[in-house]
Amino acid sequence: MNRVFSGVQPTGNIHLGNYLGALKQFVELQEDHDCIYCIVDLHAITVAQDPKELRESILDVAALYLAVGVDPKKSIVFVQSSVSGHSELGWLLTCSSYTGELSRMTQFKDKGKGKESVPTGLFMYPVLMAADILLYDTNVVPVGIDQKQHIELTRDLCNRINNKYGDTFVLPEGRYLKEGAKIMALDDPTKKMSKSAENPLSRISLLDDESKIKKAIMKATTDSEGVIKFDMEKKPGISNLMNIYVSFSDLSIEDIEKKYEGKGYGDFKKDLVTIVVDGLAPIKKRFEEIRHSDELIEILRDGANRANEIAVPVLERFKNNLGVGI
């Protein structure tokens, strides 16, 4: 089977955009792929973190992986820093990368805009991401379209090393999310839903209580037309809510348009509240069961051991081709 690798940063409560765009896909992929899913804590420390909060967030995300349906018997689930090969390969790949190509990364330029200096780790972030992927002979990387430039850099590094040192790494392919899977901010449907947005009502997180979910949906931006019709260009607000509705129900966009013909946004939003609350209920229940359990720690330790068994031979292959080590 093709091997899949992906990871999520342990920064804040995972929101609907993360879930519908990434984690839901993780669950689907594990049925017919060899999947490795990581909590990328080394990426998180490219910006300042409170150590206690970071440790709690790592465990929160790990528990949410399992709560949404990632099966540790089918997939490997672990914490990035528990496998030292990520850091070691990151350095080795750094020596084959160039400052010019890294300085062209749009995410680095966006995050560094207007600042006199930024952490070096932020500059090297794409190289560590390449190490994450190449360390496991990954075939498929499910990511958002905003990560396409990083995948292209990974492929460039892979080809560069293979051409210079002989067959070393598997060339990975990006599996980019369809536009329809992108969930936008509830208060501004022209922007992607984000954990870092100032307005807490711009997003719905998987662990939010019913009152917060209701408030966020009922206050969500729509338009003055009052017609429930899908058109992301002309009616982005209601179209975004319809995408969420589709994701939590067995109805299509066409079904929803027919169901709410002649009805207003108020009726639609009230129903959407119920659908989202009911859809998230089993996730929250499973999260509470496992979050503070010994089972969670055992799964992560077992996952790190299994990941390391794959990573060590790949790393040794590169070191041998590179001429380092004994």
C-alpha atoms as a PDB file:
ATOM      1  CA  MET A   1       0.000   0.000   0.000  1.00  0.00           C
ATOM      2  CA  ASN A   2       1.055   3.587  -0.572  1.00  0.00           C
ATOM      3  CA  ARG A   3       2.395   5.268   2.550  1.00  0.00           C
ATOM      4  CA  VAL A   4       0.751   8.474   3.766  1.00  0.00           C
ATOM      5  CA  PHE A   5       2.357  10.983   6.132  1.00  0.00           C
ATOM      6  CA  SER A   6       0.773  14.097   7.589  1.00  0.00           C
ATOM      7  CA  GLY A   7       0.837  16.102  10.786  1.00  0.00           C
ATOM      8  CA  VAL A   8      -0.983  18.788  12.752  1.00  0.00           C
ATOM      9  CA  GLN A   9       0.576  21.424  14.988  1.00  0.00           C
ATOM     10  CA  PRO A  10      -0.391  21.338  18.690  1.00  0.00           C
ATOM     11  CA  THR A  11      -1.532  24.954  18.781  1.00  0.00           C
ATOM     12  CA  GLY A  12      -5.024  25.539  20.108  1.00  0.00           C
ATOM     13  CA  ASN A  13      -8.261  23.615  19.812  1.00  0.00           C
ATOM     14  CA  ILE A  14      -8.752  22.037  16.376  1.00  0.00           C
ATOM     15  CA  HIS A  15     -11.537  23.804  14.476  1.00  0.00           C
ATOM     16  CA  LEU A  16     -13.991  22.645  11.819  1.00  0.00           C
ATOM     17  CA  GLY A  17     -11.675  23.722   9.013  1.00  0.00           C
ATOM     18  CA  ASN A  18      -8.907  21.458  10.354  1.00  0.00           C
ATOM     19  CA  TYR A  19     -11.330  18.602  10.951  1.00  0.00           C
ATOM     20  CA  LEU A  20     -13.217  18.669   7.654  1.00  0.00           C
ATOM     21  CA  GLY A  21     -10.148  19.539   5.612  1.00  0.00           C
ATOM     22  CA  ALA A  22      -7.581  17.233   7.213  1.00  0.00           C
ATOM     23  CA  LEU A  23      -8.562  14.915  10.075  1.00  0.00           C
ATOM     24  CA  LYS A  24     -11.670  13.552   8.364  1.00  0.00           C
ATOM     25  CA  GLN A  25      -9.468  12.747   5.385  1.00  0.00           C
ATOM     26  CA  PHE A  26      -6.949  11.018   7.698  1.00  0.00           C
ATOM     27  CA  VAL A  27      -9.681   8.624   8.818  1.00  0.00           C
ATOM     28  CA  GLU A  28     -10.705   7.834   5.246  1.00  0.00           C
ATOM     29  CA  LEU A  29      -7.130   7.252   4.055  1.00  0.00           C
ATOM     30  CA  GLN A  30      -6.278   4.725   6.770  1.00  0.00           C
ATOM     31  CA  GLU A  31      -8.705   2.210   5.250  1.00  0.00           C
ATOM     32  CA  ASP A  32      -6.534   1.539   2.200  1.00  0.00           C
ATOM     33  CA  HIS A  33      -3.186   3.227   2.902  1.00  0.00           C
ATOM     34  CA  ASP A  34      -0.256   2.739   5.268  1.00  0.00           C
ATOM     35  CA  CYS A  35      -0.745   5.900   7.349  1.00  0.00           C
ATOM     36  CA  ILE A  36       1.603   7.780   9.684  1.00  0.00           C
ATOM     37  CA  TYR A  37       0.095  10.721  11.568  1.00  0.00           C
ATOM     38  CA  CYS A  38       2.201  13.013  13.683  1.00  0.00           C
ATOM     39  CA  ILE A  39       1.730  15.821  16.204  1.00  0.00           C
ATOM     40  CA  VAL A  40       4.407  18.189  14.910  1.00  0.00           C
ATOM     41  CA  ASP A  41       5.579  19.814  18.123  1.00  0.00           C
ATOM     42  CA  LEU A  42       8.992  20.749  16.666  1.00  0.00           C
ATOM     43  CA  HIS A  43       7.204  22.935  14.131  1.00  0.00           C
ATOM     44  CA  ALA A  44       5.203  24.565  16.916  1.00  0.00           C
ATOM     45  CA  ILE A  45       8.344  25.896  18.634  1.00  0.00           C
ATOM     46  CA  THR A  46       9.342  27.969  15.599  1.00  0.00           C
ATOM     47  CA  VAL A  47       7.416  30.626  17.536  1.00  0.00           C
ATOM     48  CA  ALA A  48       7.429  31.196  21.305  1.00  0.00           C
ATOM     49  CA  GLN A  49       5.382  28.688  23.339  1.00  0.00           C
ATOM     50  CA  ASP A  50       4.537  28.297  27.000  1.00  0.00           C
ATOM     51  CA  PRO A  51       6.041  24.867  27.895  1.00  0.00           C
ATOM     52  CA  LYS A  52       3.147  23.743  30.109  1.00  0.00           C
ATOM     53  CA  GLU A  53       0.516  24.828  27.591  1.00  0.00           C
ATOM     54  CA  LEU A  54       2.429  23.193  24.749  1.00  0.00           C
ATOM     55  CA  ARG A  55       2.586  19.855  26.546  1.00  0.00           C
ATOM     56  CA  GLU A  56      -1.169  19.965  27.207  1.00  0.00           C
ATOM     57  CA  SER A  57      -1.865  20.929  23.599  1.00  0.00           C
ATOM     58  CA  ILE A  58       0.203  17.983  22.331  1.00  0.00           C
ATOM     59  CA  LEU A  59      -1.960  15.587  24.326  1.00  0.00           C
ATOM     60  CA  ASP A  60      -5.147  17.405  23.297  1.00  0.00           C
ATOM     61  CA  VAL A  61      -4.362  16.986  19.599  1.00  0.00           C
ATOM     62  CA  ALA A  62      -3.318  13.347  20.081  1.00  0.00           C
ATOM     63  CA  ALA A  63      -6.619  12.636  21.839  1.00  0.00           C
ATOM     64  CA  LEU A  64      -8.558  14.422  19.096  1.00  0.00           C
ATOM     65  CA  TYR A  65      -6.823  12.291  16.439  1.00  0.00           C
ATOM     66  CA  LEU A  66      -8.238   9.228  18.163  1.00  0.00           C
ATOM     67  CA  ALA A  67     -11.592  10.838  18.957  1.00  0.00           C
ATOM     68  CA  VAL A  68     -12.345  11.621  15.301  1.00  0.00           C
ATOM     69  CA  GLY A  69     -11.627   8.012  14.302  1.00  0.00           C
ATOM     70  CA  VAL A  70      -7.920   7.594  13.615  1.00  0.00           C
ATOM     71  CA  ASP A  71      -7.296   3.964  14.618  1.00  0.00           C
ATOM     72  CA  PRO A  72      -3.854   3.295  16.199  1.00  0.00           C
ATOM     73  CA  LYS A  73      -4.139  -0.323  15.008  1.00  0.00           C
ATOM     74  CA  LYS A  74      -4.416   0.846  11.408  1.00  0.00           C
ATOM     75  CA  SER A  75      -2.290   3.991  11.622  1.00  0.00           C
ATOM     76  CA  ILE A  76       0.839   5.110  13.458  1.00  0.00           C
ATOM     77  CA  VAL A  77       0.155   8.054  15.787  1.00  0.00           C
ATOM     78  CA  PHE A  78       3.081   9.704  17.589  1.00  0.00           C
ATOM     79  CA  VAL A  79       4.703  12.954  18.675  1.00  0.00           C
ATOM     80  CA  GLN A  80       7.336  14.308  16.277  1.00  0.00           C
ATOM     81  CA  SER A  81      10.014  15.067  18.878  1.00  0.00           C
ATOM     82  CA  SER A  82       9.839  11.469  20.141  1.00  0.00           C
ATOM     83  CA  VAL A  83      11.615  10.337  16.956  1.00  0.00           C
ATOM     84  CA  SER A  84      15.039  11.988  16.791  1.00  0.00           C
ATOM     85  CA  GLY A  85      15.366  11.205  13.089  1.00  0.00           C
ATOM     86  CA  HIS A  86      13.203  14.235  12.256  1.00  0.00           C
ATOM     87  CA  SER A  87      15.761  16.634  13.713  1.00  0.00           C
ATOM     88  CA  GLU A  88      18.777  14.750  12.351  1.00  0.00           C
ATOM     89  CA  LEU A  89      17.400  14.497   8.830  1.00  0.00           C
ATOM     90  CA  GLY A  90      16.324  18.124   9.061  1.00  0.00           C
ATOM     91  CA  TRP A  91      19.984  19.145   9.537  1.00  0.00           C
ATOM     92  CA  LEU A  92      21.215  16.875   6.757  1.00  0.00           C
ATOM     93  CA  LEU A  93      18.632  18.320   4.361  1.00  0.00           C
ATOM     94  CA  THR A  94      19.550  21.843   5.460  1.00  0.00           C
ATOM     95  CA  CYS A  95      23.018  21.200   4.050  1.00  0.00           C
ATOM     96  CA  SER A  96      21.452  20.447   0.652  1.00  0.00           C
ATOM     97  CA  SER A  97      19.108  23.453   0.620  1.00  0.00           C
ATOM     98  CA  TYR A  98      19.764  27.056  -0.381  1.00  0.00           C
ATOM     99  CA  THR A  99      18.877  30.331   1.297  1.00  0.00           C
ATOM    100  CA  GLY A 100      17.451  31.665  -1.957  1.00  0.00           C
ATOM    101  CA  GLU A 101      14.810  28.974  -2.280  1.00  0.00           C
ATOM    102  CA  LEU A 102      13.883  29.212   1.395  1.00  0.00           C
ATOM    103  CA  SER A 103      13.588  33.013   1.290  1.00  0.00           C
ATOM    104  CA  ARG A 104      11.040  32.658  -1.527  1.00  0.00           C
ATOM    105  CA  MET A 105       8.625  30.669   0.641  1.00  0.00           C
ATOM    106  CA  THR A 106       5.457  32.761   0.768  1.00  0.00           C
ATOM    107  CA  GLN A 107       4.480  31.669   4.284  1.00  0.00           C
ATOM    108  CA  PHE A 108       7.854  32.823   5.617  1.00  0.00           C
ATOM    109  CA  LYS A 109       7.510  36.165   3.852  1.00  0.00           C
ATOM    110  CA  ASP A 110       3.966  36.619   5.167  1.00  0.00           C
ATOM    111  CA  LYS A 111       4.873  35.807   8.773  1.00  0.00           C
ATOM    112  CA  GLY A 112       8.023  37.920   8.647  1.00  0.00           C
ATOM    113  CA  LYS A 113       6.434  40.944   6.988  1.00  0.00           C
ATOM    114  CA  GLY A 114       7.100  44.176   8.879  1.00  0.00           C
ATOM    115  CA  LYS A 115       9.492  42.573  11.385  1.00  0.00           C
ATOM    116  CA  GLU A 116      13.153  43.456  11.786  1.00  0.00           C
ATOM    117  CA  SER A 117      14.039  39.835  12.450  1.00  0.00           C
ATOM    118  CA  VAL A 118      12.283  36.479  12.801  1.00  0.00           C
ATOM    119  CA  PRO A 119      13.355  33.193  14.434  1.00  0.00           C
ATOM    120  CA  THR A 120      15.704  31.115  12.295  1.00  0.00           C
ATOM    121  CA  GLY A 121      13.422  28.127  12.924  1.00  0.00           C
ATOM    122  CA  LEU A 122      10.652  29.884  11.007  1.00  0.00           C
ATOM    123  CA  PHE A 123      13.001  30.270   8.043  1.00  0.00           C
ATOM    124  CA  MET A 124      13.973  26.570   8.215  1.00  0.00           C
ATOM    125  CA  TYR A 125      10.420  25.324   8.772  1.00  0.00           C
ATOM    126  CA  PRO A 126      10.021  23.987   5.184  1.00  0.00           C
ATOM    127  CA  VAL A 127      13.224  21.918   5.470  1.00  0.00           C
ATOM    128  CA  LEU A 128      11.985  20.244   8.650  1.00  0.00           C
ATOM    129  CA  MET A 129       8.687  19.571   6.895  1.00  0.00           C
ATOM    130  CA  ALA A 130      10.630  17.941   4.054  1.00  0.00           C
ATOM    131  CA  ALA A 131      12.451  15.799   6.616  1.00  0.00           C
ATOM    132  CA  ASP A 132       9.139  14.725   8.163  1.00  0.00           C
ATOM    133  CA  ILE A 133       7.966  13.491   4.778  1.00  0.00           C
ATOM    134  CA  LEU A 134      11.146  11.944   3.355  1.00  0.00           C
ATOM    135  CA  LEU A 135      11.991  10.139   6.611  1.00  0.00           C
ATOM    136  CA  TYR A 136       9.219   7.586   6.019  1.00  0.00           C
ATOM    137  CA  ASP A 137       9.526   6.856   2.286  1.00  0.00           C
ATOM    138  CA  THR A 138       6.228   8.700   1.950  1.00  0.00           C
ATOM    139  CA  ASN A 139       4.233   8.378  -1.248  1.00  0.00           C
ATOM    140  CA  VAL A 140       1.285  10.664  -0.477  1.00  0.00           C
ATOM    141  CA  VAL A 141       1.043  13.847   1.622  1.00  0.00           C
ATOM    142  CA  PRO A 142      -2.521  15.108   2.237  1.00  0.00           C
ATOM    143  CA  VAL A 143      -2.290  18.881   2.718  1.00  0.00           C
ATOM    144  CA  GLY A 144      -4.131  22.092   2.000  1.00  0.00           C
ATOM    145  CA  ILE A 145      -3.333  23.982  -1.191  1.00  0.00           C
ATOM    146  CA  ASP A 146      -1.525  26.582   0.951  1.00  0.00           C
ATOM    147  CA  GLN A 147       1.191  23.965   1.567  1.00  0.00           C
ATOM    148  CA  LYS A 148       1.828  23.294  -2.127  1.00  0.00           C
ATOM    149  CA  GLN A 149       5.019  25.360  -2.204  1.00  0.00           C
ATOM    150  CA  HIS A 150       6.440  23.347   0.713  1.00  0.00           C
ATOM    151  CA  ILE A 151       5.646  20.066  -1.048  1.00  0.00           C
ATOM    152  CA  GLU A 152       7.377  21.342  -4.174  1.00  0.00           C
ATOM    153  CA  LEU A 153      10.466  22.181  -2.112  1.00  0.00           C
ATOM    154  CA  THR A 154      10.381  18.668  -0.626  1.00  0.00           C
ATOM    155  CA  ARG A 155      10.282  17.187  -4.117  1.00  0.00           C
ATOM    156  CA  ASP A 156      13.132  19.470  -5.246  1.00  0.00           C
ATOM    157  CA  LEU A 157      15.304  18.355  -2.312  1.00  0.00           C
ATOM    158  CA  CYS A 158      14.417  14.721  -2.971  1.00  0.00           C
ATOM    159  CA  ASN A 159      15.396  14.949  -6.645  1.00  0.00           C
ATOM    160  CA  ARG A 160      18.539  16.949  -5.865  1.00  0.00           C
ATOM    161  CA  ILE A 161      19.784  14.348  -3.397  1.00  0.00           C
ATOM    162  CA  ASN A 162      18.803  11.372  -5.544  1.00  0.00           C
ATOM    163  CA  ASN A 163      20.609  12.868  -8.541  1.00  0.00           C
ATOM    164  CA  LYS A 164      23.743  13.646  -6.533  1.00  0.00           C
ATOM    165  CA  TYR A 165      24.009  10.615  -4.226  1.00  0.00           C
ATOM    166  CA  GLY A 166      22.012   7.917  -5.994  1.00  0.00           C
ATOM    167  CA  ASP A 167      18.585   6.551  -5.104  1.00  0.00           C
ATOM    168  CA  THR A 168      18.010   7.685  -1.536  1.00  0.00           C
ATOM    169  CA  PHE A 169      14.469   8.959  -1.032  1.00  0.00           C
ATOM    170  CA  VAL A 170      11.010   8.158  -2.393  1.00  0.00           C
ATOM    171  CA  LEU A 171       9.563  11.075  -4.380  1.00  0.00           C
ATOM    172  CA  PRO A 172       6.340  12.126  -2.604  1.00  0.00           C
ATOM    173  CA  GLU A 173       3.177  13.489  -4.173  1.00  0.00           C
ATOM    174  CA  GLY A 174       0.938  16.125  -2.626  1.00  0.00           C
ATOM    175  CA  ARG A 175      -2.745  15.244  -2.241  1.00  0.00           C
ATOM    176  CA  TYR A 176      -4.388  18.645  -2.219  1.00  0.00           C
ATOM    177  CA  LEU A 177      -7.794  19.296  -0.753  1.00  0.00           C
ATOM    178  CA  LYS A 178     -10.623  20.178  -3.094  1.00  0.00           C
ATOM    179  CA  GLU A 179     -11.800  23.770  -2.920  1.00  0.00           C
ATOM    180  CA  GLY A 180     -15.177  22.646  -1.588  1.00  0.00           C
ATOM    181  CA  ALA A 181     -13.489  21.142   1.456  1.00  0.00           C
ATOM    182  CA  LYS A 182     -12.136  24.524   2.561  1.00  0.00           C
ATOM    183  CA  ILE A 183     -14.118  25.978   5.457  1.00  0.00           C
ATOM    184  CA  MET A 184     -14.008  29.756   5.724  1.00  0.00           C
ATOM    185  CA  ALA A 185     -14.274  32.086   8.716  1.00  0.00           C
ATOM    186  CA  LEU A 186     -17.839  32.526   9.954  1.00  0.00           C
ATOM    187  CA  ASP A 187     -17.450  36.280  10.413  1.00  0.00           C
ATOM    188  CA  ASP A 188     -15.626  36.843   7.110  1.00  0.00           C
ATOM    189  CA  PRO A 189     -16.219  34.119   4.507  1.00  0.00           C
ATOM    190  CA  THR A 190     -13.479  35.554   2.267  1.00  0.00           C
ATOM    191  CA  LYS A 191     -10.863  34.347   4.764  1.00  0.00           C
ATOM    192  CA  LYS A 192      -9.993  30.795   5.789  1.00  0.00           C
ATOM    193  CA  MET A 193     -11.131  29.653   9.246  1.00  0.00           C
ATOM    194  CA  SER A 194      -8.144  30.127  11.555  1.00  0.00           C
ATOM    195  CA  LYS A 195      -7.121  29.318  15.132  1.00  0.00           C
ATOM    196  CA  SER A 196      -5.286  32.639  15.357  1.00  0.00           C
ATOM    197  CA  ALA A 197      -8.191  34.920  14.374  1.00  0.00           C
ATOM    198  CA  GLU A 198      -9.031  37.500  17.045  1.00  0.00           C
ATOM    199  CA  ASN A 199     -12.784  36.920  16.929  1.00  0.00           C
ATOM    200  CA  PRO A 200     -13.599  33.608  18.694  1.00  0.00           C
ATOM    201  CA  LEU A 201     -16.937  33.503  16.849  1.00  0.00           C
ATOM    202  CA  SER A 202     -15.094  33.272  13.528  1.00  0.00           C
ATOM    203  CA  ARG A 203     -14.592  29.544  14.096  1.00  0.00           C
ATOM    204  CA  ILE A 204     -16.131  26.482  15.681  1.00  0.00           C
ATOM    205  CA  SER A 205     -13.725  24.180  17.490  1.00  0.00           C
ATOM    206  CA  LEU A 206     -14.330  20.488  18.028  1.00  0.00           C
ATOM    207  CA  LEU A 207     -14.562  20.843  21.801  1.00  0.00           C
ATOM    208  CA  ASP A 208     -16.766  23.947  21.903  1.00  0.00           C
ATOM    209  CA  ASP A 209     -19.919  23.700  24.007  1.00  0.00           C
ATOM    210  CA  GLU A 210     -23.403  23.956  22.510  1.00  0.00           C
ATOM    211  CA  SER A 211     -23.909  27.599  23.470  1.00  0.00           C
ATOM    212  CA  LYS A 212     -20.684  28.692  21.737  1.00  0.00           C
ATOM    213  CA  ILE A 213     -21.564  26.696  18.588  1.00  0.00           C
ATOM    214  CA  LYS A 214     -25.059  28.207  18.520  1.00  0.00           C
ATOM    215  CA  LYS A 215     -23.777  31.745  18.987  1.00  0.00           C
ATOM    216  CA  ALA A 216     -21.131  31.372  16.257  1.00  0.00           C
ATOM    217  CA  ILE A 217     -23.574  29.965  13.692  1.00  0.00           C
ATOM    218  CA  MET A 218     -26.443  32.335  14.445  1.00  0.00           C
ATOM    219  CA  LYS A 219     -24.098  35.340  14.153  1.00  0.00           C
ATOM    220  CA  ALA A 220     -22.356  33.993  11.024  1.00  0.00           C
ATOM    221  CA  THR A 221     -22.147  36.466   8.145  1.00  0.00           C
ATOM    222  CA  THR A 222     -24.577  35.853   5.275  1.00  0.00           C
ATOM    223  CA  ASP A 223     -26.179  38.462   2.970  1.00  0.00           C
ATOM    224  CA  SER A 224     -29.337  40.531   2.653  1.00  0.00           C
ATOM    225  CA  GLU A 225     -30.892  38.398  -0.105  1.00  0.00           C
ATOM    226  CA  GLY A 226     -32.219  35.718   2.242  1.00  0.00           C
ATOM    227  CA  VAL A 227     -32.194  32.991  -0.423  1.00  0.00           C
ATOM    228  CA  ILE A 228     -30.476  29.693   0.403  1.00  0.00           C
ATOM    229  CA  LYS A 229     -28.493  29.122  -2.772  1.00  0.00           C
ATOM    230  CA  PHE A 230     -24.887  27.991  -3.237  1.00  0.00           C
ATOM    231  CA  ASP A 231     -22.651  30.583  -4.917  1.00  0.00           C
ATOM    232  CA  MET A 232     -19.213  31.045  -3.340  1.00  0.00           C
ATOM    233  CA  GLU A 233     -18.503  34.151  -5.407  1.00  0.00           C
ATOM    234  CA  LYS A 234     -21.724  36.087  -4.923  1.00  0.00           C
ATOM    235  CA  LYS A 235     -23.004  34.496  -1.675  1.00  0.00           C
ATOM    236  CA  PRO A 236     -19.869  33.314   0.206  1.00  0.00           C
ATOM    237  CA  GLY A 237     -21.425  33.426   3.682  1.00  0.00           C
ATOM    238  CA  ILE A 238     -24.400  31.127   3.172  1.00  0.00           C
ATOM    239  CA  SER A 239     -22.326  28.958   0.780  1.00  0.00           C
ATOM    240  CA  ASN A 240     -19.748  28.429   3.523  1.00  0.00           C
ATOM    241  CA  LEU A 241     -22.487  27.373   5.957  1.00  0.00           C
ATOM    242  CA  MET A 242     -23.889  25.014   3.312  1.00  0.00           C
ATOM    243  CA  ASN A 243     -20.466  23.384   2.979  1.00  0.00           C
ATOM    244  CA  ILE A 244     -20.502  22.747   6.733  1.00  0.00           C
ATOM    245  CA  TYR A 245     -24.054  21.377   6.500  1.00  0.00           C
ATOM    246  CA  VAL A 246     -23.043  18.937   3.735  1.00  0.00           C
ATOM    247  CA  SER A 247     -20.070  17.732   5.772  1.00  0.00           C
ATOM    248  CA  PHE A 248     -22.255  16.785   8.755  1.00  0.00           C
ATOM    249  CA  SER A 249     -25.217  15.325   6.876  1.00  0.00           C
ATOM    250  CA  ASP A 250     -26.061  12.968   4.030  1.00  0.00           C
ATOM    251  CA  LEU A 251     -27.555  15.799   1.963  1.00  0.00           C
ATOM    252  CA  SER A 252     -25.988  17.334  -1.142  1.00  0.00           C
ATOM    253  CA  ILE A 253     -25.895  21.057  -1.939  1.00  0.00           C
ATOM    254  CA  GLU A 254     -28.815  20.504  -4.325  1.00  0.00           C
ATOM    255  CA  ASP A 255     -30.768  18.680  -1.590  1.00  0.00           C
ATOM    256  CA  ILE A 256     -30.229  21.577   0.811  1.00  0.00           C
ATOM    257  CA  GLU A 257     -31.318  24.174  -1.726  1.00  0.00           C
ATOM    258  CA  LYS A 258     -34.530  22.191  -2.341  1.00  0.00           C
ATOM    259  CA  LYS A 259     -35.175  21.568   1.380  1.00  0.00           C
ATOM    260  CA  TYR A 260     -34.942  25.270   2.264  1.00  0.00           C
ATOM    261  CA  GLU A 261     -36.676  26.696  -0.795  1.00  0.00           C
ATOM    262  CA  GLY A 262     -38.909  29.500   0.407  1.00  0.00           C
ATOM    263  CA  LYS A 263     -37.346  29.485   3.892  1.00  0.00           C
ATOM    264  CA  GLY A 264     -35.033  32.052   5.440  1.00  0.00           C
ATOM    265  CA  TYR A 265     -31.551  32.016   6.926  1.00  0.00           C
ATOM    266  CA  GLY A 266     -32.935  31.787  10.452  1.00  0.00           C
ATOM    267  CA  ASP A 267     -34.541  28.376   9.859  1.00  0.00           C
ATOM    268  CA  PHE A 268     -31.428  27.153   8.072  1.00  0.00           C
ATOM    269  CA  LYS A 269     -29.061  28.293  10.837  1.00  0.00           C
ATOM    270  CA  LYS A 270     -31.171  26.753  13.613  1.00  0.00           C
ATOM    271  CA  ASP A 271     -31.075  23.399  11.836  1.00  0.00           C
ATOM    272  CA  LEU A 272     -27.341  23.740  11.212  1.00  0.00           C
ATOM    273  CA  VAL A 273     -26.744  24.300  14.935  1.00  0.00           C
ATOM    274  CA  THR A 274     -28.461  20.991  15.721  1.00  0.00           C
ATOM    275  CA  ILE A 275     -26.604  19.132  12.981  1.00  0.00           C
ATOM    276  CA  VAL A 276     -23.168  20.401  14.085  1.00  0.00           C
ATOM    277  CA  VAL A 277     -23.826  19.850  17.812  1.00  0.00           C
ATOM    278  CA  ASP A 278     -25.027  16.278  17.157  1.00  0.00           C
ATOM    279  CA  GLY A 279     -22.132  15.611  14.797  1.00  0.00           C
ATOM    280  CA  LEU A 280     -19.501  16.726  17.284  1.00  0.00           C
ATOM    281  CA  ALA A 281     -21.075  14.995  20.314  1.00  0.00           C
ATOM    282  CA  PRO A 282     -19.409  11.562  19.792  1.00  0.00           C
ATOM    283  CA  ILE A 283     -16.046  13.223  19.154  1.00  0.00           C
ATOM    284  CA  LYS A 284     -16.265  15.159  22.420  1.00  0.00           C
ATOM    285  CA  LYS A 285     -17.395  12.040  24.294  1.00  0.00           C
ATOM    286  CA  ARG A 286     -14.465   9.946  23.031  1.00  0.00           C
ATOM    287  CA  PHE A 287     -12.047  12.814  23.726  1.00  0.00           C
ATOM    288  CA  GLU A 288     -13.130  12.986  27.369  1.00  0.00           C
ATOM    289  CA  GLU A 289     -12.771   9.211  27.716  1.00  0.00           C
ATOM    290  CA  ILE A 290      -9.194   9.066  26.464  1.00  0.00           C
ATOM    291  CA  ARG A 291      -7.597  12.478  27.106  1.00  0.00           C
ATOM    292  CA  HIS A 292      -6.309  11.780  30.635  1.00  0.00           C
ATOM    293  CA  SER A 293      -5.917   8.032  30.280  1.00  0.00           C
ATOM    294  CA  ASP A 294      -2.845   5.799  30.356  1.00  0.00           C
ATOM    295  CA  GLU A 295      -4.086   4.431  27.030  1.00  0.00           C
ATOM    296  CA  LEU A 296      -3.264   7.703  25.262  1.00  0.00           C
ATOM    297  CA  ILE A 297       0.339   7.716  26.504  1.00  0.00           C
ATOM    298  CA  GLU A 298       0.767   4.044  25.604  1.00  0.00           C
ATOM    299  CA  ILE A 299      -0.536   4.676  22.072  1.00  0.00           C
ATOM    300  CA  LEU A 300       1.885   7.569  21.567  1.00  0.00           C
ATOM    301  CA  ARG A 301       4.865   5.599  22.891  1.00  0.00           C
ATOM    302  CA  ASP A 302       3.990   2.590  20.752  1.00  0.00           C
ATOM    303  CA  GLY A 303       3.524   4.893  17.766  1.00  0.00           C
ATOM    304  CA  ALA A 304       6.956   6.456  18.307  1.00  0.00           C
ATOM    305  CA  ASN A 305       8.567   3.005  18.423  1.00  0.00           C
ATOM    306  CA  ARG A 306       6.812   1.919  15.230  1.00  0.00           C
ATOM    307  CA  ALA A 307       7.698   5.181  13.485  1.00  0.00           C
ATOM    308  CA  ASN A 308      11.318   4.849  14.560  1.00  0.00           C
ATOM    309  CA  GLU A 309      11.523   1.359  13.052  1.00  0.00           C
ATOM    310  CA  ILE A 310      10.708   2.890   9.659  1.00  0.00           C
ATOM    311  CA  ALA A 311      12.757   6.067  10.099  1.00  0.00           C
ATOM    312  CA  VAL A 312      16.102   4.553  11.184  1.00  0.00           C
ATOM    313  CA  PRO A 313      16.788   2.547   7.976  1.00  0.00           C
ATOM    314  CA  VAL A 314      15.847   5.538   5.795  1.00  0.00           C
ATOM    315  CA  LEU A 315      18.143   7.837   7.763  1.00  0.00           C
ATOM    316  CA  GLU A 316      20.989   5.309   7.668  1.00  0.00           C
ATOM    317  CA  ARG A 317      20.528   4.925   3.907  1.00  0.00           C
ATOM    318  CA  PHE A 318      21.013   8.667   3.423  1.00  0.00           C
ATOM    319  CA  LYS A 319      23.958   8.880   5.821  1.00  0.00           C
ATOM    320  CA  ASN A 320      25.632   5.991   4.047  1.00  0.00           C
ATOM    321  CA  ASN A 321      25.111   7.613   0.630  1.00  0.00           C
ATOM    322  CA  LEU A 322      26.294  10.929   2.066  1.00  0.00           C
ATOM    323  CA  GLY A 323      29.440   9.367   3.552  1.00  0.00           C
ATOM    324  CA  VAL A 324      28.842  10.314   7.188  1.00  0.00           C
ATOM    325  CA  GLY A 325      28.733   8.079  10.248  1.00  0.00           C
ATOM    326  CA  ILE A 326      30.450   4.737  10.687  1.00  0.00           C
END
